[in-house]
Amino acid sequence: MRLAELVSLNRMGAAHRFLGRDDDRRVRIGVRLWELAVRASPVLSLQEVAIPFMVGVHDVVGHHVQLSVLDGDEVLFLERLSASKSVINCTRIAGRLPLYASSSGLVLLAHGPADLRERLLAGPLTAYTPTTTATPSRLRAVLADVRKQGYAYCPSYVHEDALGVAAPVRGADGRVLAALSVVVPNDAGAQAVVPALRTAARGASRALGAPTGREGPAV
């Protein structure tokens, strides 16, 4: 594209608020383009259903509560609720992580397509910390545990001070649409958040029309 055409497009985008400029003159997404993208989002109904349940979990745990979906070979984070004194969290809204390296990703991978699991099991798998699931044999065992117990429990997978727990959110056909997760301090009390998280994930699933009895064993 020629420079004159690019300049013209930038001006047109700015005029309609599709594009804007930062103080340092860098082009950024404008308010109008953001508005259209949010309204057209294919996951908008999922977010609208999940947010009240996320708020309930956040009231209980007081740390990060996240909603994420599978996107290619990664987990994509759609929403996050946090507090000023929450434990460290390396993710953000619209951020991504490898599926094998987080509680959300493990839930989505465990219930995702078999060919995706086999592709990731073929490696390579990079460890973020010494406890990250980064070998094929261990990853296969962890995924089996996630399917059996109905949630993923991941101490120090991304950061040594943080622990992630995630549970599946299912749609009307019973398939896992998303993962609801918390990131809390990696300490002895972390297991106590599991019942609240799983209850919220089941509530969101029921609100989406999911059949009952698909959540795995109770804690």
C-alpha atoms as a PDB file:
ATOM      1  CA  MET A   1       0.000   0.000   0.000  1.00  0.00           C
ATOM      2  CA  ARG A   2       1.325   3.433  -0.933  1.00  0.00           C
ATOM      3  CA  LEU A   3       2.074   5.992   1.771  1.00  0.00           C
ATOM      4  CA  ALA A   4      -0.649   8.383   0.566  1.00  0.00           C
ATOM      5  CA  GLU A   5      -3.276   5.626   0.758  1.00  0.00           C
ATOM      6  CA  LEU A   6      -2.153   4.669   4.253  1.00  0.00           C
ATOM      7  CA  VAL A   7      -2.336   8.275   5.441  1.00  0.00           C
ATOM      8  CA  SER A   8      -5.819   8.595   3.925  1.00  0.00           C
ATOM      9  CA  LEU A   9      -7.007   5.451   5.704  1.00  0.00           C
ATOM     10  CA  ASN A  10      -5.608   6.688   9.000  1.00  0.00           C
ATOM     11  CA  ARG A  11      -7.411  10.010   8.598  1.00  0.00           C
ATOM     12  CA  MET A  12     -10.673   8.276   7.706  1.00  0.00           C
ATOM     13  CA  GLY A  13     -10.332   5.962  10.688  1.00  0.00           C
ATOM     14  CA  ALA A  14      -9.693   8.875  13.032  1.00  0.00           C
ATOM     15  CA  ALA A  15     -12.648  10.822  11.633  1.00  0.00           C
ATOM     16  CA  HIS A  16     -15.014   7.939  12.458  1.00  0.00           C
ATOM     17  CA  ARG A  17     -13.277   7.149  15.752  1.00  0.00           C
ATOM     18  CA  PHE A  18     -12.129   3.769  14.442  1.00  0.00           C
ATOM     19  CA  LEU A  19      -8.540   4.826  15.119  1.00  0.00           C
ATOM     20  CA  GLY A  20      -6.894   7.252  17.518  1.00  0.00           C
ATOM     21  CA  ARG A  21      -3.453   8.463  18.504  1.00  0.00           C
ATOM     22  CA  ASP A  22      -1.598   8.279  21.799  1.00  0.00           C
ATOM     23  CA  ASP A  23       0.320  11.237  23.189  1.00  0.00           C
ATOM     24  CA  ASP A  24       3.429   9.934  21.419  1.00  0.00           C
ATOM     25  CA  ARG A  25       1.486   9.911  18.101  1.00  0.00           C
ATOM     26  CA  ARG A  26       1.253   6.128  17.812  1.00  0.00           C
ATOM     27  CA  VAL A  27      -1.937   4.847  16.143  1.00  0.00           C
ATOM     28  CA  ARG A  28      -4.268   2.831  18.398  1.00  0.00           C
ATOM     29  CA  ILE A  29      -7.753   1.325  18.181  1.00  0.00           C
ATOM     30  CA  GLY A  30     -10.416   4.000  18.570  1.00  0.00           C
ATOM     31  CA  VAL A  31     -13.507   3.987  20.771  1.00  0.00           C
ATOM     32  CA  ARG A  32     -15.921   3.322  17.905  1.00  0.00           C
ATOM     33  CA  LEU A  33     -13.977   0.304  16.608  1.00  0.00           C
ATOM     34  CA  TRP A  34     -13.769  -1.078  20.149  1.00  0.00           C
ATOM     35  CA  GLU A  35     -17.536  -0.611  20.526  1.00  0.00           C
ATOM     36  CA  LEU A  36     -18.308  -2.463  17.284  1.00  0.00           C
ATOM     37  CA  ALA A  37     -15.910  -5.281  18.170  1.00  0.00           C
ATOM     38  CA  VAL A  38     -17.521  -5.795  21.583  1.00  0.00           C
ATOM     39  CA  ARG A  39     -21.038  -5.816  20.152  1.00  0.00           C
ATOM     40  CA  ALA A  40     -20.056  -8.322  17.463  1.00  0.00           C
ATOM     41  CA  SER A  41     -18.104 -10.573  19.821  1.00  0.00           C
ATOM     42  CA  PRO A  42     -18.956 -14.287  19.394  1.00  0.00           C
ATOM     43  CA  VAL A  43     -18.389 -14.805  23.131  1.00  0.00           C
ATOM     44  CA  LEU A  44     -20.546 -11.920  24.374  1.00  0.00           C
ATOM     45  CA  SER A  45     -23.406 -14.115  25.622  1.00  0.00           C
ATOM     46  CA  LEU A  46     -20.914 -16.360  27.429  1.00  0.00           C
ATOM     47  CA  GLN A  47     -19.395 -13.377  29.188  1.00  0.00           C
ATOM     48  CA  GLU A  48     -22.792 -11.949  30.130  1.00  0.00           C
ATOM     49  CA  VAL A  49     -23.833 -15.258  31.694  1.00  0.00           C
ATOM     50  CA  ALA A  50     -20.535 -15.863  33.475  1.00  0.00           C
ATOM     51  CA  ILE A  51     -19.891 -12.456  35.032  1.00  0.00           C
ATOM     52  CA  PRO A  52     -22.449 -12.701  37.891  1.00  0.00           C
ATOM     53  CA  PHE A  53     -20.950 -16.057  38.891  1.00  0.00           C
ATOM     54  CA  MET A  54     -17.459 -14.586  38.659  1.00  0.00           C
ATOM     55  CA  VAL A  55     -18.511 -11.786  40.997  1.00  0.00           C
ATOM     56  CA  GLY A  56     -19.797 -14.334  43.500  1.00  0.00           C
ATOM     57  CA  VAL A  57     -16.495 -16.231  43.469  1.00  0.00           C
ATOM     58  CA  HIS A  58     -14.524 -13.014  43.738  1.00  0.00           C
ATOM     59  CA  ASP A  59     -16.483 -12.053  46.855  1.00  0.00           C
ATOM     60  CA  VAL A  60     -15.373 -15.342  48.402  1.00  0.00           C
ATOM     61  CA  VAL A  61     -11.711 -15.601  47.329  1.00  0.00           C
ATOM     62  CA  GLY A  62     -10.750 -11.917  47.119  1.00  0.00           C
ATOM     63  CA  HIS A  63      -8.162 -12.573  44.406  1.00  0.00           C
ATOM     64  CA  HIS A  64      -8.235 -13.031  40.632  1.00  0.00           C
ATOM     65  CA  VAL A  65     -11.226 -14.691  38.948  1.00  0.00           C
ATOM     66  CA  GLN A  66     -10.951 -15.349  35.222  1.00  0.00           C
ATOM     67  CA  LEU A  67     -13.006 -16.569  32.270  1.00  0.00           C
ATOM     68  CA  SER A  68     -11.175 -18.089  29.321  1.00  0.00           C
ATOM     69  CA  VAL A  69     -11.747 -20.053  26.116  1.00  0.00           C
ATOM     70  CA  LEU A  70      -9.767 -22.266  23.795  1.00  0.00           C
ATOM     71  CA  ASP A  71      -8.250 -20.469  20.804  1.00  0.00           C
ATOM     72  CA  GLY A  72      -5.942 -22.559  18.658  1.00  0.00           C
ATOM     73  CA  ASP A  73      -3.129 -23.964  20.782  1.00  0.00           C
ATOM     74  CA  GLU A  74      -3.601 -21.342  23.508  1.00  0.00           C
ATOM     75  CA  VAL A  75      -5.979 -20.270  26.236  1.00  0.00           C
ATOM     76  CA  LEU A  76      -7.470 -16.814  25.633  1.00  0.00           C
ATOM     77  CA  PHE A  77      -8.603 -14.842  28.700  1.00  0.00           C
ATOM     78  CA  LEU A  78     -11.883 -12.981  28.130  1.00  0.00           C
ATOM     79  CA  GLU A  79     -12.605 -11.482  31.551  1.00  0.00           C
ATOM     80  CA  ARG A  80     -10.836 -10.996  34.852  1.00  0.00           C
ATOM     81  CA  LEU A  81     -11.879  -9.623  38.236  1.00  0.00           C
ATOM     82  CA  SER A  82      -9.090  -8.592  40.602  1.00  0.00           C
ATOM     83  CA  ALA A  83      -8.441  -6.647  43.789  1.00  0.00           C
ATOM     84  CA  SER A  84      -5.682  -4.229  44.720  1.00  0.00           C
ATOM     85  CA  LYS A  85      -3.951  -6.738  47.013  1.00  0.00           C
ATOM     86  CA  SER A  86      -4.423  -9.799  44.820  1.00  0.00           C
ATOM     87  CA  VAL A  87      -1.570 -12.237  44.369  1.00  0.00           C
ATOM     88  CA  ILE A  88       0.660 -11.791  41.318  1.00  0.00           C
ATOM     89  CA  ASN A  89      -0.961 -12.819  38.040  1.00  0.00           C
ATOM     90  CA  CYS A  90       0.862 -12.963  34.710  1.00  0.00           C
ATOM     91  CA  THR A  91      -2.296 -12.950  32.599  1.00  0.00           C
ATOM     92  CA  ARG A  92      -4.555 -10.115  31.464  1.00  0.00           C
ATOM     93  CA  ILE A  93      -7.794  -9.624  29.529  1.00  0.00           C
ATOM     94  CA  ALA A  94      -7.175 -10.588  25.883  1.00  0.00           C
ATOM     95  CA  GLY A  95      -3.930 -12.235  27.029  1.00  0.00           C
ATOM     96  CA  ARG A  96      -2.878 -15.773  26.192  1.00  0.00           C
ATOM     97  CA  LEU A  97      -0.941 -18.679  27.689  1.00  0.00           C
ATOM     98  CA  PRO A  98       0.030 -22.107  26.388  1.00  0.00           C
ATOM     99  CA  LEU A  99      -2.667 -24.631  27.204  1.00  0.00           C
ATOM    100  CA  TYR A 100      -0.423 -26.922  29.245  1.00  0.00           C
ATOM    101  CA  ALA A 101       0.911 -24.160  31.523  1.00  0.00           C
ATOM    102  CA  SER A 102      -2.191 -22.941  33.378  1.00  0.00           C
ATOM    103  CA  SER A 103      -5.216 -24.346  35.178  1.00  0.00           C
ATOM    104  CA  SER A 104      -7.588 -22.824  32.607  1.00  0.00           C
ATOM    105  CA  GLY A 105      -5.601 -24.226  29.726  1.00  0.00           C
ATOM    106  CA  LEU A 106      -5.470 -27.700  31.249  1.00  0.00           C
ATOM    107  CA  VAL A 107      -9.264 -27.775  31.657  1.00  0.00           C
ATOM    108  CA  LEU A 108      -9.768 -26.697  28.048  1.00  0.00           C
ATOM    109  CA  LEU A 109      -7.133 -29.110  26.763  1.00  0.00           C
ATOM    110  CA  ALA A 110      -8.480 -32.025  28.804  1.00  0.00           C
ATOM    111  CA  HIS A 111     -11.924 -31.584  27.250  1.00  0.00           C
ATOM    112  CA  GLY A 112     -10.754 -30.378  23.847  1.00  0.00           C
ATOM    113  CA  PRO A 113     -10.168 -32.221  20.564  1.00  0.00           C
ATOM    114  CA  ALA A 114      -8.051 -35.377  20.770  1.00  0.00           C
ATOM    115  CA  ASP A 115      -5.826 -34.282  17.879  1.00  0.00           C
ATOM    116  CA  LEU A 116      -4.995 -31.061  19.742  1.00  0.00           C
ATOM    117  CA  ARG A 117      -3.920 -33.044  22.806  1.00  0.00           C
ATOM    118  CA  GLU A 118      -1.734 -35.357  20.738  1.00  0.00           C
ATOM    119  CA  ARG A 119      -0.128 -32.431  18.949  1.00  0.00           C
ATOM    120  CA  LEU A 120       0.781 -30.728  22.211  1.00  0.00           C
ATOM    121  CA  LEU A 121       1.924 -33.986  23.781  1.00  0.00           C
ATOM    122  CA  ALA A 122       4.401 -34.278  20.930  1.00  0.00           C
ATOM    123  CA  GLY A 123       6.084 -31.153  22.365  1.00  0.00           C
ATOM    124  CA  PRO A 124       8.121 -29.169  22.857  1.00  0.00           C
ATOM    125  CA  LEU A 125       6.818 -28.025  26.262  1.00  0.00           C
ATOM    126  CA  THR A 126       8.570 -25.110  27.995  1.00  0.00           C
ATOM    127  CA  ALA A 127       8.530 -24.918  31.797  1.00  0.00           C
ATOM    128  CA  TYR A 128       7.779 -21.547  33.412  1.00  0.00           C
ATOM    129  CA  THR A 129       8.707 -22.890  36.862  1.00  0.00           C
ATOM    130  CA  PRO A 130      10.003 -26.237  38.161  1.00  0.00           C
ATOM    131  CA  THR A 131       6.394 -27.400  38.715  1.00  0.00           C
ATOM    132  CA  THR A 132       4.992 -26.548  35.271  1.00  0.00           C
ATOM    133  CA  THR A 133       3.656 -29.636  33.499  1.00  0.00           C
ATOM    134  CA  ALA A 134       6.336 -29.771  30.815  1.00  0.00           C
ATOM    135  CA  THR A 135       6.826 -33.449  29.928  1.00  0.00           C
ATOM    136  CA  PRO A 136       4.467 -35.518  27.761  1.00  0.00           C
ATOM    137  CA  SER A 137       4.055 -38.303  30.316  1.00  0.00           C
ATOM    138  CA  ARG A 138       3.201 -35.929  33.134  1.00  0.00           C
ATOM    139  CA  LEU A 139       0.889 -33.845  30.953  1.00  0.00           C
ATOM    140  CA  ARG A 140      -1.033 -36.953  29.901  1.00  0.00           C
ATOM    141  CA  ALA A 141      -1.472 -37.952  33.557  1.00  0.00           C
ATOM    142  CA  VAL A 142      -2.530 -34.443  34.611  1.00  0.00           C
ATOM    143  CA  LEU A 143      -5.141 -34.258  31.846  1.00  0.00           C
ATOM    144  CA  ALA A 144      -6.570 -37.596  32.955  1.00  0.00           C
ATOM    145  CA  ASP A 145      -6.802 -36.295  36.526  1.00  0.00           C
ATOM    146  CA  VAL A 146      -8.571 -33.121  35.347  1.00  0.00           C
ATOM    147  CA  ARG A 147     -11.216 -35.167  33.540  1.00  0.00           C
ATOM    148  CA  LYS A 148     -11.620 -37.517  36.519  1.00  0.00           C
ATOM    149  CA  GLN A 149     -11.859 -34.976  39.341  1.00  0.00           C
ATOM    150  CA  GLY A 150     -13.632 -32.213  37.395  1.00  0.00           C
ATOM    151  CA  TYR A 151     -11.114 -29.390  37.922  1.00  0.00           C
ATOM    152  CA  ALA A 152      -7.451 -28.459  37.508  1.00  0.00           C
ATOM    153  CA  TYR A 153      -5.298 -27.564  40.521  1.00  0.00           C
ATOM    154  CA  CYS A 154      -1.977 -25.985  39.583  1.00  0.00           C
ATOM    155  CA  PRO A 155       0.401 -24.719  42.298  1.00  0.00           C
ATOM    156  CA  SER A 156       3.278 -22.554  41.027  1.00  0.00           C
ATOM    157  CA  TYR A 157       2.738 -23.401  37.347  1.00  0.00           C
ATOM    158  CA  VAL A 158       3.367 -19.877  36.026  1.00  0.00           C
ATOM    159  CA  HIS A 159       4.709 -18.075  39.101  1.00  0.00           C
ATOM    160  CA  GLU A 160       5.986 -19.686  42.299  1.00  0.00           C
ATOM    161  CA  ASP A 161       3.832 -17.455  44.552  1.00  0.00           C
ATOM    162  CA  ALA A 162       0.556 -18.159  42.737  1.00  0.00           C
ATOM    163  CA  LEU A 163      -1.777 -21.129  42.423  1.00  0.00           C
ATOM    164  CA  GLY A 164      -4.429 -21.576  39.754  1.00  0.00           C
ATOM    165  CA  VAL A 165      -7.641 -23.589  39.996  1.00  0.00           C
ATOM    166  CA  ALA A 166     -10.024 -23.968  37.057  1.00  0.00           C
ATOM    167  CA  ALA A 167     -13.320 -25.732  36.371  1.00  0.00           C
ATOM    168  CA  PRO A 168     -15.187 -26.304  33.095  1.00  0.00           C
ATOM    169  CA  VAL A 169     -18.186 -24.294  31.921  1.00  0.00           C
ATOM    170  CA  ARG A 170     -20.425 -26.314  29.613  1.00  0.00           C
ATOM    171  CA  GLY A 171     -22.958 -25.364  26.977  1.00  0.00           C
ATOM    172  CA  ALA A 172     -26.378 -26.767  26.131  1.00  0.00           C
ATOM    173  CA  ASP A 173     -24.874 -29.746  24.279  1.00  0.00           C
ATOM    174  CA  GLY A 174     -22.686 -30.663  27.250  1.00  0.00           C
ATOM    175  CA  ARG A 175     -19.440 -29.626  25.592  1.00  0.00           C
ATOM    176  CA  VAL A 176     -16.955 -27.495  27.518  1.00  0.00           C
ATOM    177  CA  LEU A 177     -17.191 -23.926  26.216  1.00  0.00           C
ATOM    178  CA  ALA A 178     -14.910 -22.159  28.669  1.00  0.00           C
ATOM    179  CA  ALA A 179     -12.925 -22.403  31.871  1.00  0.00           C
ATOM    180  CA  LEU A 180     -13.694 -20.473  35.034  1.00  0.00           C
ATOM    181  CA  SER A 181     -10.577 -20.058  37.161  1.00  0.00           C
ATOM    182  CA  VAL A 182      -9.075 -18.361  40.186  1.00  0.00           C
ATOM    183  CA  VAL A 183      -5.480 -17.348  40.889  1.00  0.00           C
ATOM    184  CA  VAL A 184      -4.777 -17.273  44.613  1.00  0.00           C
ATOM    185  CA  PRO A 185      -1.709 -17.370  46.892  1.00  0.00           C
ATOM    186  CA  ASN A 186       0.151 -20.655  46.820  1.00  0.00           C
ATOM    187  CA  ASP A 187      -0.413 -21.652  50.421  1.00  0.00           C
ATOM    188  CA  ALA A 188      -2.099 -24.292  52.526  1.00  0.00           C
ATOM    189  CA  GLY A 189      -5.505 -22.602  52.330  1.00  0.00           C
ATOM    190  CA  ALA A 190      -5.796 -22.704  48.561  1.00  0.00           C
ATOM    191  CA  GLN A 191      -7.777 -25.952  48.452  1.00  0.00           C
ATOM    192  CA  ALA A 192     -10.641 -24.194  50.220  1.00  0.00           C
ATOM    193  CA  VAL A 193     -11.492 -22.185  47.073  1.00  0.00           C
ATOM    194  CA  VAL A 194     -12.285 -25.296  45.024  1.00  0.00           C
ATOM    195  CA  PRO A 195     -15.922 -25.805  46.167  1.00  0.00           C
ATOM    196  CA  ALA A 196     -16.861 -22.162  45.533  1.00  0.00           C
ATOM    197  CA  LEU A 197     -15.260 -22.208  42.090  1.00  0.00           C
ATOM    198  CA  ARG A 198     -16.891 -25.461  41.054  1.00  0.00           C
ATOM    199  CA  THR A 199     -20.290 -24.291  42.297  1.00  0.00           C
ATOM    200  CA  ALA A 200     -19.962 -21.124  40.206  1.00  0.00           C
ATOM    201  CA  ALA A 201     -18.883 -23.092  37.120  1.00  0.00           C
ATOM    202  CA  ARG A 202     -21.881 -25.408  37.512  1.00  0.00           C
ATOM    203  CA  GLY A 203     -24.163 -22.399  37.918  1.00  0.00           C
ATOM    204  CA  ALA A 204     -22.840 -20.783  34.759  1.00  0.00           C
ATOM    205  CA  SER A 205     -23.216 -24.091  32.920  1.00  0.00           C
ATOM    206  CA  ARG A 206     -26.845 -24.444  34.011  1.00  0.00           C
ATOM    207  CA  ALA A 207     -27.516 -20.852  32.937  1.00  0.00           C
ATOM    208  CA  LEU A 208     -26.184 -21.793  29.500  1.00  0.00           C
ATOM    209  CA  GLY A 209     -28.559 -24.763  29.381  1.00  0.00           C
ATOM    210  CA  ALA A 210     -26.045 -27.518  30.113  1.00  0.00           C
ATOM    211  CA  PRO A 211     -27.371 -30.912  31.214  1.00  0.00           C
ATOM    212  CA  THR A 212     -26.753 -31.774  34.857  1.00  0.00           C
ATOM    213  CA  GLY A 213     -24.473 -34.500  36.124  1.00  0.00           C
ATOM    214  CA  ARG A 214     -21.482 -33.724  33.874  1.00  0.00           C
ATOM    215  CA  GLU A 215     -19.262 -31.865  36.316  1.00  0.00           C
ATOM    216  CA  GLY A 216     -17.235 -34.742  37.768  1.00  0.00           C
ATOM    217  CA  PRO A 217     -17.017 -35.898  41.379  1.00  0.00           C
ATOM    218  CA  ALA A 218     -17.693 -33.547  44.258  1.00  0.00           C
ATOM    219  CA  VAL A 219     -14.824 -32.296  46.401  1.00  0.00           C
END
